[in-house]
Protein backbone atom coordinates (compact mmCIF):
# COMPACT_ATOMS: atom_id res chain seq x y z
CA UNK A 1 137.04 107.87 128.72
CA UNK A 2 139.95 106.50 126.73
CA UNK A 3 140.06 108.18 123.34
CA UNK A 4 139.96 106.18 120.12
CA UNK A 5 142.81 107.23 117.86
CA UNK A 6 141.93 107.72 114.21
CA UNK A 7 143.83 108.48 111.01
CA UNK A 8 142.48 110.44 108.05
CA UNK A 9 143.21 109.45 104.45
CA UNK A 10 142.24 112.24 102.07
CA UNK A 11 142.73 115.88 103.07
CA UNK A 12 140.37 117.69 100.71
CA UNK A 13 137.46 120.05 101.37
CA UNK A 14 135.44 117.87 103.73
CA UNK A 15 138.42 116.90 105.88
CA UNK A 16 138.37 119.99 108.13
CA UNK A 17 135.14 118.78 109.70
CA UNK A 18 136.79 115.51 110.69
CA UNK A 19 139.97 117.16 111.95
CA UNK A 20 137.79 119.27 114.25
CA UNK A 21 135.70 116.31 115.39
CA UNK A 22 137.52 115.88 118.70
CA UNK A 23 136.47 119.40 119.67
CA UNK A 24 132.87 118.14 119.90
CA UNK A 25 133.31 114.41 120.48
CA UNK A 26 135.93 113.73 123.11
CA UNK A 27 135.91 109.98 122.45
CA UNK A 28 138.04 110.36 119.29
CA UNK A 29 141.44 111.88 118.51
CA UNK A 30 142.94 112.41 115.06
CA UNK A 31 146.62 111.41 115.23
CA UNK A 32 147.75 111.17 111.58
CA UNK A 33 146.76 112.15 108.04
CA UNK A 34 147.72 111.29 104.48
CA UNK A 35 146.86 112.43 100.97
CA UNK A 36 147.94 111.46 97.47
CA UNK A 37 148.86 115.15 97.08
CA UNK A 38 151.37 115.67 99.92
CA UNK A 39 150.87 119.44 100.01
CA UNK A 40 147.26 118.99 101.11
CA UNK A 41 148.27 116.78 104.03
CA UNK A 42 151.08 119.20 104.93
CA UNK A 43 148.51 122.02 105.08
CA UNK A 44 146.46 120.06 107.62
CA UNK A 45 149.59 119.54 109.69
CA UNK A 46 150.05 123.31 109.78
CA UNK A 47 146.42 123.89 110.75
CA UNK A 48 145.88 121.09 113.27
CA UNK A 49 149.32 119.86 114.33
CA UNK A 50 148.54 116.35 113.09
CA UNK A 51 151.54 114.52 111.56
CA UNK A 52 151.26 113.80 107.83
CA UNK A 53 152.66 110.71 106.14
CA UNK A 54 152.05 108.18 103.39
CA UNK A 55 149.03 105.87 103.40
CA UNK A 56 151.25 102.88 104.16
CA UNK A 57 152.86 104.62 107.12
CA UNK A 58 149.46 105.60 108.48
CA UNK A 59 148.10 102.06 108.10
CA UNK A 60 151.17 100.76 109.95
CA UNK A 61 150.61 102.88 113.08
CA UNK A 62 149.54 100.39 115.78
CA UNK A 63 147.71 102.97 117.89
CA UNK A 64 145.26 103.87 115.12
CA UNK A 65 142.00 101.93 115.46
CA UNK A 66 139.82 103.67 112.86
CA UNK A 67 140.81 105.03 109.46
CA UNK A 68 138.51 107.72 108.08
CA UNK A 69 138.45 107.55 104.28
CA UNK A 70 137.83 110.94 102.62
CA UNK A 71 139.14 110.06 99.16
CA UNK A 72 137.13 110.38 95.89
CA UNK A 73 134.26 107.87 95.55
CA UNK A 74 135.99 105.88 92.82
CA UNK A 75 138.62 104.67 95.30
CA UNK A 76 136.45 104.31 98.42
CA UNK A 77 136.34 100.53 98.11
CA UNK A 78 140.10 100.24 97.57
CA UNK A 79 140.99 102.40 100.57
CA UNK A 80 138.46 100.54 102.71
CA UNK A 81 140.02 97.23 101.63
CA UNK A 82 143.52 98.50 102.44
CA UNK A 83 142.27 99.70 105.83
CA UNK A 84 140.72 96.35 106.73
CA UNK A 85 143.76 94.43 105.53
CA UNK A 86 145.84 96.61 107.85
CA UNK A 87 143.69 95.49 110.79
CA UNK A 88 141.87 98.82 111.22
CA UNK A 89 138.17 99.61 111.34
CA UNK A 90 137.06 101.46 108.18
CA UNK A 91 134.85 104.55 108.07
CA UNK A 92 134.24 106.32 104.76
CA UNK A 93 132.62 109.43 103.44
CA UNK A 94 129.65 108.81 101.17
CA UNK A 95 128.93 107.05 98.94
CA UNK A 96 130.00 103.60 100.14
CA UNK A 97 131.39 102.92 96.67
CA UNK A 98 130.52 103.14 93.01
CA UNK A 99 130.33 99.43 92.19
CA UNK A 100 128.06 96.98 93.98
CA UNK A 101 130.45 94.02 93.65
CA UNK A 102 133.37 95.97 95.13
CA UNK A 103 131.18 97.23 97.95
CA UNK A 104 130.01 93.70 98.74
CA UNK A 105 133.64 92.56 98.97
CA UNK A 106 134.33 95.28 101.54
CA UNK A 107 131.39 94.10 103.65
CA UNK A 108 132.55 90.49 103.42
CA UNK A 109 136.15 91.36 104.28
CA UNK A 110 135.09 93.34 107.33
CA UNK A 111 133.02 90.44 108.64
CA UNK A 112 135.79 87.92 107.89
CA UNK A 113 138.30 89.99 109.86
CA UNK A 114 135.82 90.91 112.61
CA UNK A 115 136.39 94.59 111.89
CA UNK A 116 133.80 97.33 111.70
CA UNK A 117 132.81 99.15 108.52
CA UNK A 118 130.97 102.45 108.47
CA UNK A 119 130.06 105.15 105.98
CA UNK A 120 128.52 108.62 105.94
CA UNK A 121 126.10 110.27 105.73
CA UNK A 122 125.54 110.60 109.44
CA UNK A 123 123.07 113.49 109.16
CA UNK A 124 120.22 111.13 110.03
CA UNK A 125 121.53 111.30 113.61
CA UNK A 126 120.79 115.04 113.68
CA UNK A 127 117.96 116.65 115.62
CA UNK A 128 115.68 117.08 112.60
CA UNK A 129 115.83 113.50 111.34
CA UNK A 130 115.71 112.01 114.84
CA UNK A 131 112.64 114.11 115.66
CA UNK A 132 110.94 112.86 112.48
CA UNK A 133 111.91 109.31 113.45
CA UNK A 134 110.35 109.72 116.92
CA UNK A 135 107.13 111.09 115.38
CA UNK A 136 106.87 107.99 113.20
CA UNK A 137 107.82 105.61 116.00
CA UNK A 138 105.25 107.20 118.33
CA UNK A 139 102.50 106.74 115.72
CA UNK A 140 101.62 110.38 115.17
CA UNK A 141 100.80 109.85 111.48
CA UNK A 142 99.83 106.18 111.74
CA UNK A 143 101.18 103.60 109.34
CA UNK A 144 103.36 105.16 106.59
CA UNK A 145 101.76 104.52 103.21
CA UNK A 146 103.62 106.65 100.68
CA UNK A 147 105.66 109.80 100.29
CA UNK A 148 108.12 111.84 98.26
CA UNK A 149 111.87 112.47 98.39
CA UNK A 150 112.95 115.22 96.01
CA UNK A 151 116.35 116.86 95.53
CA UNK A 152 116.60 119.02 92.41
CA UNK A 153 118.70 121.92 91.19
CA UNK A 154 121.09 122.97 88.47
CA UNK A 155 124.04 121.21 90.04
CA UNK A 156 127.42 122.66 91.07
CA UNK A 157 128.25 124.20 87.69
CA UNK A 158 129.88 127.27 89.22
CA UNK A 159 132.29 125.26 91.34
CA UNK A 160 135.87 124.74 90.15
CA UNK A 161 135.41 121.02 90.91
CA UNK A 162 132.27 120.89 88.75
CA UNK A 163 133.46 118.16 86.30
CA UNK A 164 133.84 115.74 89.23
CA UNK A 165 130.10 115.97 89.93
CA UNK A 166 129.18 115.07 86.35
CA UNK A 167 131.53 112.11 86.05
CA UNK A 168 131.41 108.43 86.97
CA UNK A 169 130.80 107.97 90.68
CA UNK A 170 128.87 111.20 91.13
CA UNK A 171 125.82 112.78 89.52
CA UNK A 172 122.82 113.81 91.62
CA UNK A 173 122.07 110.30 92.87
CA UNK A 174 125.48 109.24 94.16
CA UNK A 175 126.34 112.77 95.32
CA UNK A 176 123.10 113.82 97.06
CA UNK A 177 121.11 110.58 97.04
CA UNK A 178 122.97 109.10 100.04
CA UNK A 179 121.42 111.72 102.33
CA UNK A 180 117.91 111.04 101.08
CA UNK A 181 118.07 107.26 100.84
CA UNK A 182 119.74 106.95 104.25
CA UNK A 183 117.10 109.22 105.78
CA UNK A 184 114.35 107.07 104.29
CA UNK A 185 115.87 103.84 105.62
CA UNK A 186 116.20 105.48 109.04
CA UNK A 187 112.51 106.42 108.93
CA UNK A 188 111.00 103.40 107.20
CA UNK A 189 113.51 100.54 107.41
CA UNK A 190 115.02 98.65 104.46
CA UNK A 191 113.75 98.83 100.89
CA UNK A 192 112.80 95.90 98.64
CA UNK A 193 112.65 97.22 95.07
CA UNK A 194 113.27 100.16 92.72
CA UNK A 195 111.42 101.04 89.50
CA UNK A 196 112.88 104.03 87.67
CA UNK A 197 113.51 106.01 84.50
CA UNK A 198 116.71 108.05 84.23
CA UNK A 199 118.03 110.48 81.65
CA UNK A 200 120.60 113.17 80.95
CA UNK A 201 119.51 116.70 80.07
CA UNK A 202 122.81 117.92 78.62
CA UNK A 203 125.83 116.22 77.07
CA UNK A 204 128.10 119.09 78.14
CA UNK A 205 128.11 121.68 80.90
CA UNK A 206 129.83 125.08 80.90
CA UNK A 207 131.96 126.84 83.47
CA UNK A 208 130.40 130.11 84.58
CA UNK A 209 132.34 133.39 84.38
CA UNK A 210 132.64 133.50 88.19
CA UNK A 211 134.71 130.32 88.20
CA UNK A 212 136.85 131.46 85.31
CA UNK A 213 137.59 134.76 87.07
CA UNK A 214 138.70 132.99 90.24
CA UNK A 215 140.75 130.31 88.52
CA UNK A 216 142.22 132.02 85.48
CA UNK A 217 145.29 129.78 85.52
CA UNK A 218 143.16 126.65 85.14
CA UNK A 219 139.83 127.51 83.47
CA UNK A 220 138.73 129.80 80.69
CA UNK A 221 135.30 131.45 80.61
CA UNK A 222 132.63 129.17 79.20
CA UNK A 223 134.89 126.17 78.72
CA UNK A 224 132.80 123.04 78.32
CA UNK A 225 133.21 119.71 80.07
CA UNK A 226 131.40 116.43 79.36
CA UNK A 227 128.50 114.97 81.34
CA UNK A 228 129.07 111.21 81.62
CA UNK A 229 126.33 110.26 84.11
CA UNK A 230 122.56 110.47 84.20
CA UNK A 231 121.50 113.80 85.69
CA UNK A 232 117.75 113.34 86.13
CA UNK A 233 116.54 110.21 87.91
CA UNK A 234 112.95 109.55 88.87
CA UNK A 235 111.43 106.40 90.28
CA UNK A 236 109.58 104.57 93.01
CA UNK A 237 111.24 102.85 95.96
CA UNK A 238 109.14 100.16 97.63
CA UNK A 239 109.97 99.49 101.28
CA UNK A 240 109.60 96.26 103.21
CA UNK A 241 107.18 98.02 105.59
CA UNK A 242 104.83 98.59 102.64
CA UNK A 243 105.47 102.30 102.06
CA UNK A 244 106.02 103.46 98.48
CA UNK A 245 108.18 106.58 98.03
CA UNK A 246 108.46 108.60 94.82
CA UNK A 247 112.05 109.81 94.40
CA UNK A 248 113.44 112.50 92.08
CA UNK A 249 117.12 113.51 91.96
CA UNK A 250 118.18 116.04 89.34
CA UNK A 251 120.89 118.45 88.24
CA UNK A 252 118.67 119.65 85.37
CA UNK A 253 116.14 121.86 87.19
CA UNK A 254 116.42 125.64 87.57
CA UNK A 255 113.83 125.99 90.34
CA UNK A 256 111.14 123.96 92.11
CA UNK A 257 108.84 124.22 95.13
CA UNK A 258 108.91 120.73 96.65
CA UNK A 259 109.84 119.91 100.24
CA UNK A 260 112.83 117.53 100.59
CA UNK A 261 110.87 114.63 102.11
CA UNK A 262 107.20 114.13 102.92
CA UNK A 263 105.71 110.99 104.47
CA UNK A 264 101.95 110.31 104.25
CA UNK A 265 100.39 107.93 106.75
CA UNK A 266 96.99 106.56 107.74
CA UNK A 267 96.58 109.25 110.44
CA UNK A 268 98.34 112.26 108.95
CA UNK A 269 101.30 113.66 107.02
CA UNK A 270 104.81 114.77 107.96
CA UNK A 271 107.32 117.09 106.31
CA UNK A 272 110.92 116.09 107.00
CA UNK A 273 113.77 118.63 106.81
CA UNK A 274 116.63 118.58 104.31
CA UNK A 275 118.59 115.39 105.13
CA UNK A 276 121.79 117.14 104.06
CA UNK A 277 121.48 119.18 107.27
CA UNK A 278 121.14 118.37 110.96
CA UNK A 279 118.35 120.70 112.05
CA UNK A 280 114.65 121.25 111.37
CA UNK A 281 111.96 122.20 110.92
CA UNK A 282 109.73 119.13 111.22
CA UNK A 283 106.04 119.75 110.56
CA UNK A 284 102.98 117.51 110.77
CA UNK A 285 99.32 117.70 109.79
CA UNK A 286 97.32 115.09 111.66
CA UNK A 287 93.82 113.83 111.03
CA UNK A 288 91.37 116.60 111.91
CA UNK A 289 93.86 119.42 111.39
CA UNK A 290 93.88 121.74 108.37
CA UNK A 291 97.34 123.30 108.55
CA UNK A 292 100.91 122.15 109.07
CA UNK A 293 102.10 122.40 112.67
CA UNK A 294 105.80 122.72 113.51
CA UNK A 295 107.01 120.22 116.09
CA UNK A 296 109.76 121.24 118.56
CA UNK A 297 112.96 119.28 118.01
CA UNK A 298 113.19 116.38 120.44
CA UNK A 299 116.93 115.71 120.14
CA UNK A 300 120.27 117.52 120.24
CA UNK A 301 122.69 117.94 117.31
CA UNK A 302 120.70 120.54 115.39
CA UNK A 303 123.91 122.27 114.27
CA UNK A 304 126.54 120.87 111.91
CA UNK A 305 127.70 117.66 113.58
CA UNK A 306 129.34 115.83 110.68
CA UNK A 307 131.69 113.17 112.03
CA UNK A 308 129.09 112.04 114.60
CA UNK A 309 128.99 108.72 112.73
CA UNK A 310 132.70 108.13 113.31
CA UNK A 311 132.25 109.11 116.96
CA UNK A 312 129.37 106.63 117.26
CA UNK A 313 131.60 103.89 115.84
CA UNK A 314 134.31 104.75 118.37
CA UNK A 315 132.01 104.59 121.40
CA UNK A 316 130.33 101.47 120.04
CA UNK A 317 133.73 99.79 119.99
CA UNK A 318 134.27 100.72 123.63
CA UNK A 319 130.82 99.56 124.73
CA UNK A 320 130.58 96.51 122.47
CA UNK A 321 127.35 97.51 120.75
CA UNK A 322 126.40 97.91 117.08
CA UNK A 323 127.24 101.27 115.53
CA UNK A 324 124.48 103.11 113.72
CA UNK A 325 126.26 104.48 110.65
CA UNK A 326 127.33 101.01 109.58
CA UNK A 327 128.43 99.25 106.41
CA UNK A 328 125.29 97.17 105.94
CA UNK A 329 123.21 100.36 105.95
CA UNK A 330 125.58 102.12 103.53
CA UNK A 331 125.77 99.11 101.23
CA UNK A 332 121.97 98.85 101.13
CA UNK A 333 121.72 102.57 100.33
CA UNK A 334 124.25 102.11 97.51
CA UNK A 335 122.18 99.21 96.18
CA UNK A 336 119.07 101.41 96.15
CA UNK A 337 120.85 104.23 94.34
CA UNK A 338 122.56 102.09 91.70
CA UNK A 339 119.24 100.36 90.99
CA UNK A 340 117.77 103.55 89.49
CA UNK A 341 120.01 103.35 86.41
CA UNK A 342 119.74 99.55 86.39
CA UNK A 343 115.95 99.74 86.31
CA UNK A 344 115.91 102.39 83.61
CA UNK A 345 118.31 100.44 81.41
CA UNK A 346 116.42 97.16 81.87
CA UNK A 347 112.98 98.75 81.61
CA UNK A 348 111.73 96.83 84.65
CA UNK A 349 111.54 96.71 88.42
CA UNK A 350 114.78 95.79 90.20
CA UNK A 351 114.49 93.60 93.28
CA UNK A 352 117.20 94.64 95.72
CA UNK A 353 119.83 92.07 96.64
CA UNK A 354 120.79 93.67 99.95
CA UNK A 355 119.07 94.58 103.19
CA UNK A 356 119.97 96.01 106.59
CA UNK A 357 118.65 96.62 110.06
CA UNK A 358 116.91 99.93 110.68
CA UNK A 359 119.43 101.98 112.71
CA UNK A 360 118.68 102.32 116.41
CA UNK A 361 117.33 105.77 117.27
CA UNK A 362 119.31 108.09 119.51
CA UNK A 363 117.93 108.36 123.04
CA UNK A 364 116.37 111.52 124.42
CA UNK A 365 118.20 113.68 126.92
CA UNK A 366 121.72 113.63 125.47
CA UNK A 367 124.04 116.58 125.81
CA UNK A 368 126.07 117.80 122.83
CA UNK A 369 129.17 115.62 122.62
CA UNK A 370 127.43 112.62 124.13
CA UNK A 371 126.21 109.42 122.54
CA UNK A 372 124.40 106.61 124.28
CA UNK A 373 126.29 103.69 125.75
């Protein structure tokens, strides 16, 4: 198979996964990289032998078909726009953007130029989420009626990059919400409305001593930094299929005992694994049973397979089919997430202005490294 050549813009923490993508997915090949901090791109050249250059030089390379955008969320829309204007297909890390109007312009530009747009997360293509999808599609728990999606913790306070996660474009919803909302759309199809209340537990957060010890040249023990986003969001997402899901995303909780996602249907209940991972377990309790039963995983990609979404876009280009981790899906997920704060501020239900097709499930029987044609 002819390989699709890709360029990477943004050489931070997550980029190593994408540089290594061709080791698992032989349909793609990383041929160039760029970063606003040249030293980061130069480091990737040392590690992977991929030439580094400016964004403009990368966009000008005629052999590159897909640009993978790993920049901070605040510039996702700009880099996607630059990519499309350069005649390349655009694939971004999550979230799709931080502003609904900018995101809509990216979708419109891609369609006007007949270029593809895609965006992580792609974890819903993993074995755990695809197994849960098959259970629903095969009717094991009947018609989905309601459920819960809960991601709570104290947030990444001990990380040196902690202020990023408490600033505009992040917070628990835009940072972790993409995994949960994308998983729900994969399971249930598009949503129709959001009703929510959001709040912020603390105006400031504090670096822990562990961070200060590791980064003495940059941080002092117990330095404070501001929290500029809501850090506890709770609400109800109503789906077109009729299911109503209670969602909680928080950086204000020390400990809890909830499963990541549970779906309750007319014939039983299902526990879905953490959508920030690729594996299981998936458990069900069907009508007539008293205990949860673990279901063997039906699909491959139970290990870390991040970049599978970019690989799916590449093979979809070759085989002229829709790609699963697409812009309409990501834009709809962004609409859902941004509607939590909108609903809270307005004190009313928000009817969503976007929709998407439910992504096509992966087929059974694939080998690792394969995607359907």
